[in-house]
Amino acid sequence: MEQEKIDELCSLMGRLKSNPRLKNFDEAATKQAVVLPLLRSLGWDTSNVDEVYPEYSVEKKRVDYALRLQGRNEFFLEVKKPGEELEYHEEQLLNYSFRQGVKLAGLTNGITWLFYLPLKEGSWAERKFYAVDIIEQGIEDAAQRFIDILSRQNVESREAFRNAEAIYTSALKHRTFVEKLPEAWNKIITERDQILIELLADTTEKLCGFKPTSEDVSKFLTSQQSSFILSSRSESPLPLRRPRTISYETKEERTTLEPISVDTAVHLKVSPEEALKELKTISHKTFQDVLRGNWHADDFGNVKAQSVCWLFCWAKTGMKSKKTAIASKEVFNKIFDIGYEDFDKKVDHKWAQEARRRPGNIESELTSLLRD
């Protein structure tokens, strides 16, 4: 049943993406051509004002749509025209939602959809837990997120709120440790952590046969401290090799591979051209439709963790196609420096499903799983 919903949503978003008039719609056209069809595909009865209530009154003001179940407001949705800067309208929407005790809210211009947990603490921006862009994002991923957060079934069962909480917590956790890692490193360097001193001394002894004293190591750290201290602003390390961009063409498209700014957990064991060629052999329409939006590799053999998890999920389920799952496993084994079976033993499928849609750098998490 969920696969039928995904296919229906993918078809709808495909039509929207190919509509040249979409970006020129006004607010009324956006509601009619984008918002209401999406809500219908997600199981909402848009003809029932007790379920999809337009221009819902909130303290002498109005929110564009209140999604209601059993007489209770479950989701507030505010709609603007394409091109509108949505962040300017966060305060209005979240004020409405907060005062009404509504746990989930969305803000859209038809193309970009921002999702919020209005009752969380922090600034309005900090209450945003996810964004979907139906033009730029992979159609399959966008469809899955719409179902997770906005389908009538999941809203009614409270699963939508639990999904939102999980996404929010995951993003907050990642943001927090990324911000604190440089601080932790600087603390180890400046306070001369004894474990670090002993590690350096032992490693030096293994290399040359002589073990420096703790005082020798401390002097070395002091002399090099300016080189070791990191900026408090979190930045991804640059690759050791000189970054370069390569391009190659097929009959269908021209693809440019930009260098990935971190060393990744999984690497290609074939050329990027060969990897893409293998991926194109998987004869599943949805797979090929979302390939460009989900595949990120560079000419150094780095592959984004999200891309590895994406292919792993296809190899695991094949979108309910045994043939596609087998083909995806074969490609996985051909192009990556870790086999599917080994990856499957160490990485939980549910974690991979969630991680493949997560923005930001998740390489350290995947590396940790693969090392265990």
Protein backbone atom coordinates (compact mmCIF):
# COMPACT_ATOMS: atom_id res chain seq x y z
CA MET A 1 0.00 0.00 0.00
CA GLU A 2 2.79 2.44 0.88
CA GLN A 3 4.54 1.67 -2.39
CA GLU A 4 1.36 2.63 -4.25
CA LYS A 5 1.36 5.94 -2.37
CA ILE A 6 5.02 6.52 -3.21
CA ASP A 7 4.37 5.80 -6.90
CA GLU A 8 1.34 8.12 -6.91
CA LEU A 9 3.31 10.93 -5.27
CA CYS A 10 6.30 10.39 -7.58
CA SER A 11 3.99 10.65 -10.58
CA LEU A 12 2.39 13.84 -9.25
CA MET A 13 5.73 15.49 -8.46
CA GLY A 14 7.11 14.43 -11.83
CA ARG A 15 4.26 16.28 -13.54
CA LEU A 16 4.80 19.33 -11.34
CA LYS A 17 8.54 19.40 -12.06
CA SER A 18 7.92 19.32 -15.79
CA ASN A 19 5.26 22.07 -15.67
CA PRO A 20 6.93 25.27 -16.99
CA ARG A 21 4.18 27.42 -15.42
CA LEU A 22 4.81 26.20 -11.87
CA LYS A 23 7.23 28.97 -10.86
CA ASN A 24 4.83 31.65 -12.13
CA PHE A 25 1.77 30.52 -10.16
CA ASP A 26 0.16 32.92 -7.71
CA GLU A 27 -0.88 31.75 -4.25
CA ALA A 28 -4.37 30.62 -5.32
CA ALA A 29 -3.00 28.57 -8.24
CA THR A 30 -0.35 27.04 -5.96
CA LYS A 31 -3.05 25.85 -3.59
CA GLN A 32 -5.18 24.41 -6.39
CA ALA A 33 -2.48 22.83 -8.54
CA VAL A 34 0.09 21.75 -5.95
CA VAL A 35 -1.07 21.73 -2.34
CA LEU A 36 -4.52 20.16 -2.65
CA PRO A 37 -3.43 17.39 -5.06
CA LEU A 38 -0.55 16.51 -2.73
CA LEU A 39 -2.85 16.40 0.27
CA ARG A 40 -5.27 14.15 -1.63
CA SER A 41 -2.44 11.81 -2.57
CA LEU A 42 -1.49 11.69 1.11
CA GLY A 43 -4.97 10.49 2.05
CA TRP A 44 -6.65 13.72 3.12
CA ASP A 45 -10.27 14.35 2.06
CA THR A 46 -9.86 17.84 0.65
CA SER A 47 -13.58 18.13 -0.02
CA ASN A 48 -14.37 17.71 3.69
CA VAL A 49 -13.95 21.02 5.53
CA ASP A 50 -14.01 19.16 8.85
CA GLU A 51 -10.78 17.47 7.76
CA VAL A 52 -9.06 20.02 5.50
CA TYR A 53 -10.31 23.39 6.77
CA PRO A 54 -9.31 26.35 4.54
CA GLU A 55 -8.76 29.82 5.98
CA TYR A 56 -8.99 28.51 9.53
CA SER A 57 -9.57 31.32 12.03
CA VAL A 58 -6.95 31.74 14.75
CA GLU A 59 -7.44 34.72 17.10
CA LYS A 60 -8.93 37.01 14.40
CA LYS A 61 -6.29 35.86 11.88
CA ARG A 62 -6.29 32.94 9.50
CA VAL A 63 -4.05 30.01 8.63
CA ASP A 64 -4.40 28.70 5.08
CA TYR A 65 -5.19 25.10 6.04
CA ALA A 66 -5.90 23.35 9.30
CA LEU A 67 -5.69 19.57 8.95
CA ARG A 68 -8.15 18.26 11.51
CA LEU A 69 -9.11 14.82 12.82
CA GLN A 70 -11.96 14.15 15.24
CA GLY A 71 -12.46 17.87 15.76
CA ARG A 72 -8.84 18.50 16.73
CA ASN A 73 -6.21 20.54 14.90
CA GLU A 74 -3.33 18.22 13.99
CA PHE A 75 -1.36 20.20 11.41
CA PHE A 76 -1.29 23.87 10.34
CA LEU A 77 -0.19 24.58 6.77
CA GLU A 78 0.56 28.05 5.41
CA VAL A 79 0.90 28.54 1.64
CA LYS A 80 2.76 31.27 -0.28
CA LYS A 81 3.44 31.71 -4.00
CA PRO A 82 6.56 30.20 -5.63
CA GLY A 83 9.65 32.31 -5.14
CA GLU A 84 8.40 33.71 -1.83
CA GLU A 85 11.00 33.73 0.97
CA LEU A 86 9.36 31.34 3.39
CA GLU A 87 11.48 32.20 6.42
CA TYR A 88 9.82 35.63 6.56
CA HIS A 89 6.57 33.89 7.47
CA GLU A 90 7.87 31.48 10.14
CA GLU A 91 6.93 33.67 13.09
CA GLN A 92 3.33 34.08 11.95
CA LEU A 93 2.76 30.36 11.36
CA LEU A 94 4.55 29.18 14.50
CA ASN A 95 2.83 31.74 16.68
CA TYR A 96 -0.52 30.43 15.46
CA SER A 97 0.56 26.84 16.05
CA PHE A 98 2.15 27.45 19.44
CA ARG A 99 -0.88 29.27 20.83
CA GLN A 100 -3.20 26.54 19.57
CA GLY A 101 -0.97 23.72 20.85
CA VAL A 102 -0.52 22.25 17.36
CA LYS A 103 2.47 19.90 17.33
CA LEU A 104 3.21 19.91 13.58
CA ALA A 105 3.23 22.72 11.04
CA GLY A 106 4.33 23.34 7.48
CA LEU A 107 5.18 26.31 5.32
CA THR A 108 5.30 26.02 1.53
CA ASN A 109 5.55 28.02 -1.66
CA GLY A 110 4.52 24.94 -3.64
CA ILE A 111 8.11 24.03 -4.47
CA THR A 112 9.85 24.21 -1.10
CA TRP A 113 8.15 22.69 1.93
CA LEU A 114 9.47 23.51 5.41
CA PHE A 115 8.33 21.37 8.35
CA TYR A 116 8.31 22.49 12.00
CA LEU A 117 7.79 21.26 15.54
CA PRO A 118 6.15 24.45 16.89
CA LEU A 119 6.19 23.45 20.55
CA LYS A 120 9.97 22.96 20.70
CA GLU A 121 12.20 25.46 22.47
CA GLY A 122 14.53 27.83 20.65
CA SER A 123 14.19 30.25 17.76
CA TRP A 124 11.65 29.72 15.01
CA ALA A 125 14.42 28.51 12.70
CA GLU A 126 15.58 25.98 15.30
CA ARG A 127 12.11 24.44 15.34
CA LYS A 128 12.38 23.54 11.66
CA PHE A 129 13.27 19.87 11.42
CA TYR A 130 13.17 19.15 7.70
CA ALA A 131 12.85 20.70 4.23
CA VAL A 132 11.62 19.14 0.99
CA ASP A 133 12.23 20.68 -2.43
CA ILE A 134 10.16 18.96 -5.09
CA ILE A 135 12.36 20.37 -7.88
CA GLU A 136 15.85 19.73 -6.51
CA GLN A 137 15.34 16.70 -4.25
CA GLY A 138 15.09 13.12 -5.48
CA ILE A 139 11.43 12.39 -6.17
CA GLU A 140 11.42 9.08 -4.28
CA ASP A 141 13.01 10.63 -1.19
CA ALA A 142 10.60 13.57 -1.26
CA ALA A 143 7.64 11.21 -1.59
CA GLN A 144 8.80 9.13 1.37
CA ARG A 145 9.25 12.22 3.54
CA PHE A 146 5.79 13.53 2.65
CA ILE A 147 4.35 10.18 3.72
CA ASP A 148 6.42 10.10 6.93
CA ILE A 149 5.38 13.59 8.02
CA LEU A 150 2.13 14.53 6.31
CA SER A 151 0.12 11.44 5.35
CA ARG A 152 -3.29 11.26 6.99
CA GLN A 153 -2.61 7.75 8.26
CA ASN A 154 0.62 8.74 9.99
CA VAL A 155 -0.84 11.95 11.42
CA GLU A 156 -3.82 10.04 12.82
CA SER A 157 -1.65 7.31 14.38
CA ARG A 158 0.81 9.92 15.80
CA GLU A 159 3.55 8.25 13.77
CA ALA A 160 4.07 11.53 11.91
CA PHE A 161 4.96 13.28 15.16
CA ARG A 162 7.27 10.45 16.20
CA ASN A 163 8.98 10.59 12.79
CA ALA A 164 9.38 14.36 13.14
CA GLU A 165 10.86 13.98 16.62
CA ALA A 166 13.34 11.37 15.36
CA ILE A 167 14.46 13.60 12.48
CA TYR A 168 14.77 16.62 14.79
CA THR A 169 16.73 14.72 17.45
CA SER A 170 19.07 13.22 14.86
CA ALA A 171 19.79 16.61 13.28
CA LEU A 172 20.27 18.26 16.68
CA LYS A 173 22.63 15.51 17.82
CA HIS A 174 24.72 15.80 14.67
CA ARG A 175 24.85 19.61 14.82
CA THR A 176 25.87 19.51 18.49
CA PHE A 177 28.78 17.11 18.20
CA VAL A 178 30.05 18.76 15.00
CA GLU A 179 30.16 22.08 16.85
CA LYS A 180 31.88 20.57 19.89
CA LEU A 181 34.48 18.37 18.17
CA PRO A 182 36.93 21.25 17.53
CA GLU A 183 36.50 22.39 21.14
CA ALA A 184 37.20 18.87 22.41
CA TRP A 185 40.30 18.58 20.20
CA ASN A 186 41.64 21.96 21.36
CA LYS A 187 41.09 20.95 24.98
CA ILE A 188 43.13 17.77 24.49
CA ILE A 189 45.97 19.71 22.82
CA THR A 190 46.13 22.70 25.18
CA GLU A 191 45.69 20.75 28.42
CA ARG A 192 48.26 18.11 27.39
CA ASP A 193 45.99 15.14 27.89
CA GLN A 194 48.10 12.35 29.39
CA ILE A 195 46.66 9.72 27.07
CA LEU A 196 47.78 11.78 24.07
CA ILE A 197 51.29 12.22 25.54
CA GLU A 198 51.65 8.50 26.19
CA LEU A 199 50.32 7.62 22.73
CA LEU A 200 52.82 9.95 21.03
CA ALA A 201 55.70 8.62 23.15
CA ASP A 202 54.82 4.97 22.50
CA THR A 203 54.37 5.53 18.74
CA THR A 204 57.71 7.37 18.53
CA GLU A 205 59.43 4.47 20.28
CA LYS A 206 57.96 2.01 17.78
CA LEU A 207 59.25 4.13 14.90
CA CYS A 208 62.80 4.77 16.09
CA GLY A 209 63.50 2.56 19.10
CA PHE A 210 63.82 5.47 21.54
CA LYS A 211 60.99 6.60 23.79
CA PRO A 212 60.77 10.35 24.51
CA THR A 213 59.90 11.53 28.03
CA SER A 214 56.59 13.19 28.84
CA GLU A 215 58.49 16.49 29.03
CA ASP A 216 59.88 15.98 25.50
CA VAL A 217 56.39 15.32 24.14
CA SER A 218 54.96 18.35 25.97
CA LYS A 219 57.67 20.59 24.50
CA PHE A 220 56.88 19.28 21.03
CA LEU A 221 53.16 19.95 21.48
CA THR A 222 53.89 23.47 22.72
CA SER A 223 56.15 24.24 19.77
CA GLN A 224 53.49 23.05 17.30
CA GLN A 225 50.40 24.24 19.15
CA SER A 226 49.50 26.98 16.67
CA SER A 227 49.36 24.35 13.92
CA PHE A 228 47.21 21.98 15.95
CA ILE A 229 44.57 24.40 17.26
CA LEU A 230 41.37 24.35 15.24
CA SER A 231 39.05 27.22 14.54
CA SER A 232 35.86 27.06 16.60
CA ARG A 233 34.01 27.35 13.32
CA SER A 234 33.42 23.82 12.11
CA GLU A 235 34.86 23.25 8.68
CA SER A 236 35.33 20.08 6.73
CA PRO A 237 38.96 19.15 6.09
CA LEU A 238 40.12 19.43 2.49
CA PRO A 239 41.22 16.32 0.64
CA LEU A 240 44.93 15.63 0.71
CA ARG A 241 45.10 15.40 -3.04
CA ARG A 242 44.64 18.43 -5.25
CA PRO A 243 40.90 18.79 -5.91
CA ARG A 244 39.87 18.77 -9.49
CA THR A 245 36.58 18.42 -11.34
CA ILE A 246 36.10 15.95 -14.14
CA SER A 247 33.30 15.74 -16.66
CA TYR A 248 32.19 13.01 -18.96
CA GLU A 249 29.27 12.56 -21.28
CA THR A 250 26.83 9.87 -22.18
CA LYS A 251 24.19 10.05 -24.90
CA GLU A 252 21.60 10.87 -22.25
CA GLU A 253 23.34 13.49 -20.14
CA ARG A 254 26.48 15.32 -19.17
CA THR A 255 27.66 14.63 -15.63
CA THR A 256 30.16 16.67 -13.62
CA LEU A 257 31.77 15.20 -10.53
CA GLU A 258 32.77 17.75 -7.91
CA PRO A 259 35.40 16.73 -5.33
CA ILE A 260 33.88 15.74 -1.98
CA SER A 261 35.50 17.75 0.82
CA VAL A 262 35.97 14.84 3.25
CA ASP A 263 37.44 11.36 3.10
CA THR A 264 34.41 9.09 3.00
CA ALA A 265 33.61 5.86 4.83
CA VAL A 266 33.22 3.85 1.60
CA HIS A 267 35.17 4.25 -1.64
CA LEU A 268 34.83 3.20 -5.25
CA LYS A 269 37.04 0.36 -6.45
CA VAL A 270 36.25 1.23 -10.06
CA SER A 271 36.38 4.52 -11.95
CA PRO A 272 33.48 6.98 -11.48
CA GLU A 273 32.53 6.42 -15.12
CA GLU A 274 32.40 2.65 -14.62
CA ALA A 275 30.37 3.04 -11.40
CA LEU A 276 27.76 5.18 -13.15
CA LYS A 277 27.66 2.75 -16.05
CA GLU A 278 26.93 -0.11 -13.63
CA LEU A 279 24.23 1.91 -11.86
CA LYS A 280 22.53 2.54 -15.18
CA THR A 281 22.17 -1.22 -15.73
CA ILE A 282 19.56 -1.46 -12.94
CA SER A 283 16.35 -1.57 -14.96
CA HIS A 284 13.87 -0.04 -12.54
CA LYS A 285 12.17 3.20 -13.63
CA THR A 286 12.04 4.81 -10.17
CA PHE A 287 15.69 3.91 -9.55
CA GLN A 288 16.77 5.62 -12.75
CA ASP A 289 14.48 8.62 -12.11
CA VAL A 290 16.12 9.32 -8.74
CA LEU A 291 19.68 8.25 -9.59
CA ARG A 292 21.05 11.73 -10.32
CA GLY A 293 19.60 13.16 -7.11
CA ASN A 294 21.02 10.41 -4.90
CA TRP A 295 24.40 9.51 -6.41
CA HIS A 296 27.34 11.63 -5.21
CA ALA A 297 30.89 10.42 -5.90
CA ASP A 298 34.10 12.10 -7.04
CA ASP A 299 37.11 11.13 -9.10
CA PHE A 300 39.15 10.30 -5.98
CA GLY A 301 36.84 7.36 -5.28
CA ASN A 302 34.99 9.07 -2.43
CA VAL A 303 31.28 8.27 -2.21
CA LYS A 304 28.94 10.15 0.12
CA ALA A 305 27.58 8.00 2.93
CA GLN A 306 24.03 8.94 1.93
CA SER A 307 24.66 7.51 -1.55
CA VAL A 308 26.04 4.26 -0.15
CA CYS A 309 23.03 3.91 2.16
CA TRP A 310 20.69 4.69 -0.73
CA LEU A 311 22.11 1.87 -2.90
CA PHE A 312 22.17 -0.47 0.12
CA CYS A 313 18.44 0.13 0.68
CA TRP A 314 17.72 -0.73 -2.93
CA ALA A 315 19.83 -3.89 -2.60
CA LYS A 316 17.95 -4.77 0.58
CA THR A 317 14.40 -4.46 -0.74
CA GLY A 318 14.50 -3.63 -4.45
CA MET A 319 11.35 -1.60 -3.84
CA LYS A 320 9.58 -4.97 -3.46
CA SER A 321 11.20 -6.24 -6.68
CA LYS A 322 13.41 -9.30 -6.16
CA LYS A 323 15.02 -8.79 -9.56
CA THR A 324 15.94 -5.18 -8.72
CA ALA A 325 17.31 -6.18 -5.29
CA ILE A 326 19.57 -8.82 -6.87
CA ALA A 327 20.78 -6.35 -9.53
CA SER A 328 21.45 -3.69 -6.89
CA LYS A 329 23.46 -6.14 -4.77
CA GLU A 330 25.56 -7.09 -7.79
CA VAL A 331 26.30 -3.45 -8.55
CA PHE A 332 27.05 -2.76 -4.87
CA ASN A 333 29.65 -5.54 -4.88
CA LYS A 334 31.15 -4.43 -8.20
CA ILE A 335 31.71 -0.76 -7.38
CA PHE A 336 32.40 -0.48 -3.62
CA ASP A 337 35.43 -1.48 -1.57
CA ILE A 338 33.13 -3.27 0.89
CA GLY A 339 30.86 -6.13 -0.10
CA TYR A 340 27.10 -6.03 0.40
CA GLU A 341 27.10 -8.96 2.87
CA ASP A 342 29.73 -7.34 5.10
CA PHE A 343 27.92 -3.98 4.96
CA ASP A 344 24.60 -5.65 5.80
CA LYS A 345 26.10 -7.32 8.88
CA LYS A 346 27.29 -4.01 10.31
CA VAL A 347 24.69 -1.44 9.19
CA ASP A 348 21.07 -1.68 10.28
CA HIS A 349 18.61 -1.25 7.41
CA LYS A 350 16.38 1.14 9.36
CA TRP A 351 19.39 3.32 10.22
CA ALA A 352 20.39 3.38 6.55
CA GLN A 353 16.85 4.33 5.50
CA GLU A 354 16.90 7.32 7.85
CA ALA A 355 20.53 8.29 7.20
CA ARG A 356 20.24 8.35 3.41
CA ARG A 357 17.80 11.26 3.63
CA ARG A 358 19.73 13.19 6.25
CA PRO A 359 21.54 16.37 5.18
CA GLY A 360 25.10 17.11 6.30
CA ASN A 361 28.13 14.94 6.94
CA ILE A 362 27.37 11.47 8.33
CA GLU A 363 30.70 9.88 7.34
CA SER A 364 31.93 9.52 10.94
CA GLU A 365 28.75 7.67 11.95
CA LEU A 366 29.00 5.24 9.06
CA THR A 367 32.73 4.76 9.66
CA SER A 368 32.01 3.90 13.30
CA LEU A 369 29.40 1.31 12.30
CA LEU A 370 31.70 -0.31 9.77
CA ARG A 371 34.55 -0.54 12.27
CA ASP A 372 32.46 -2.28 14.96
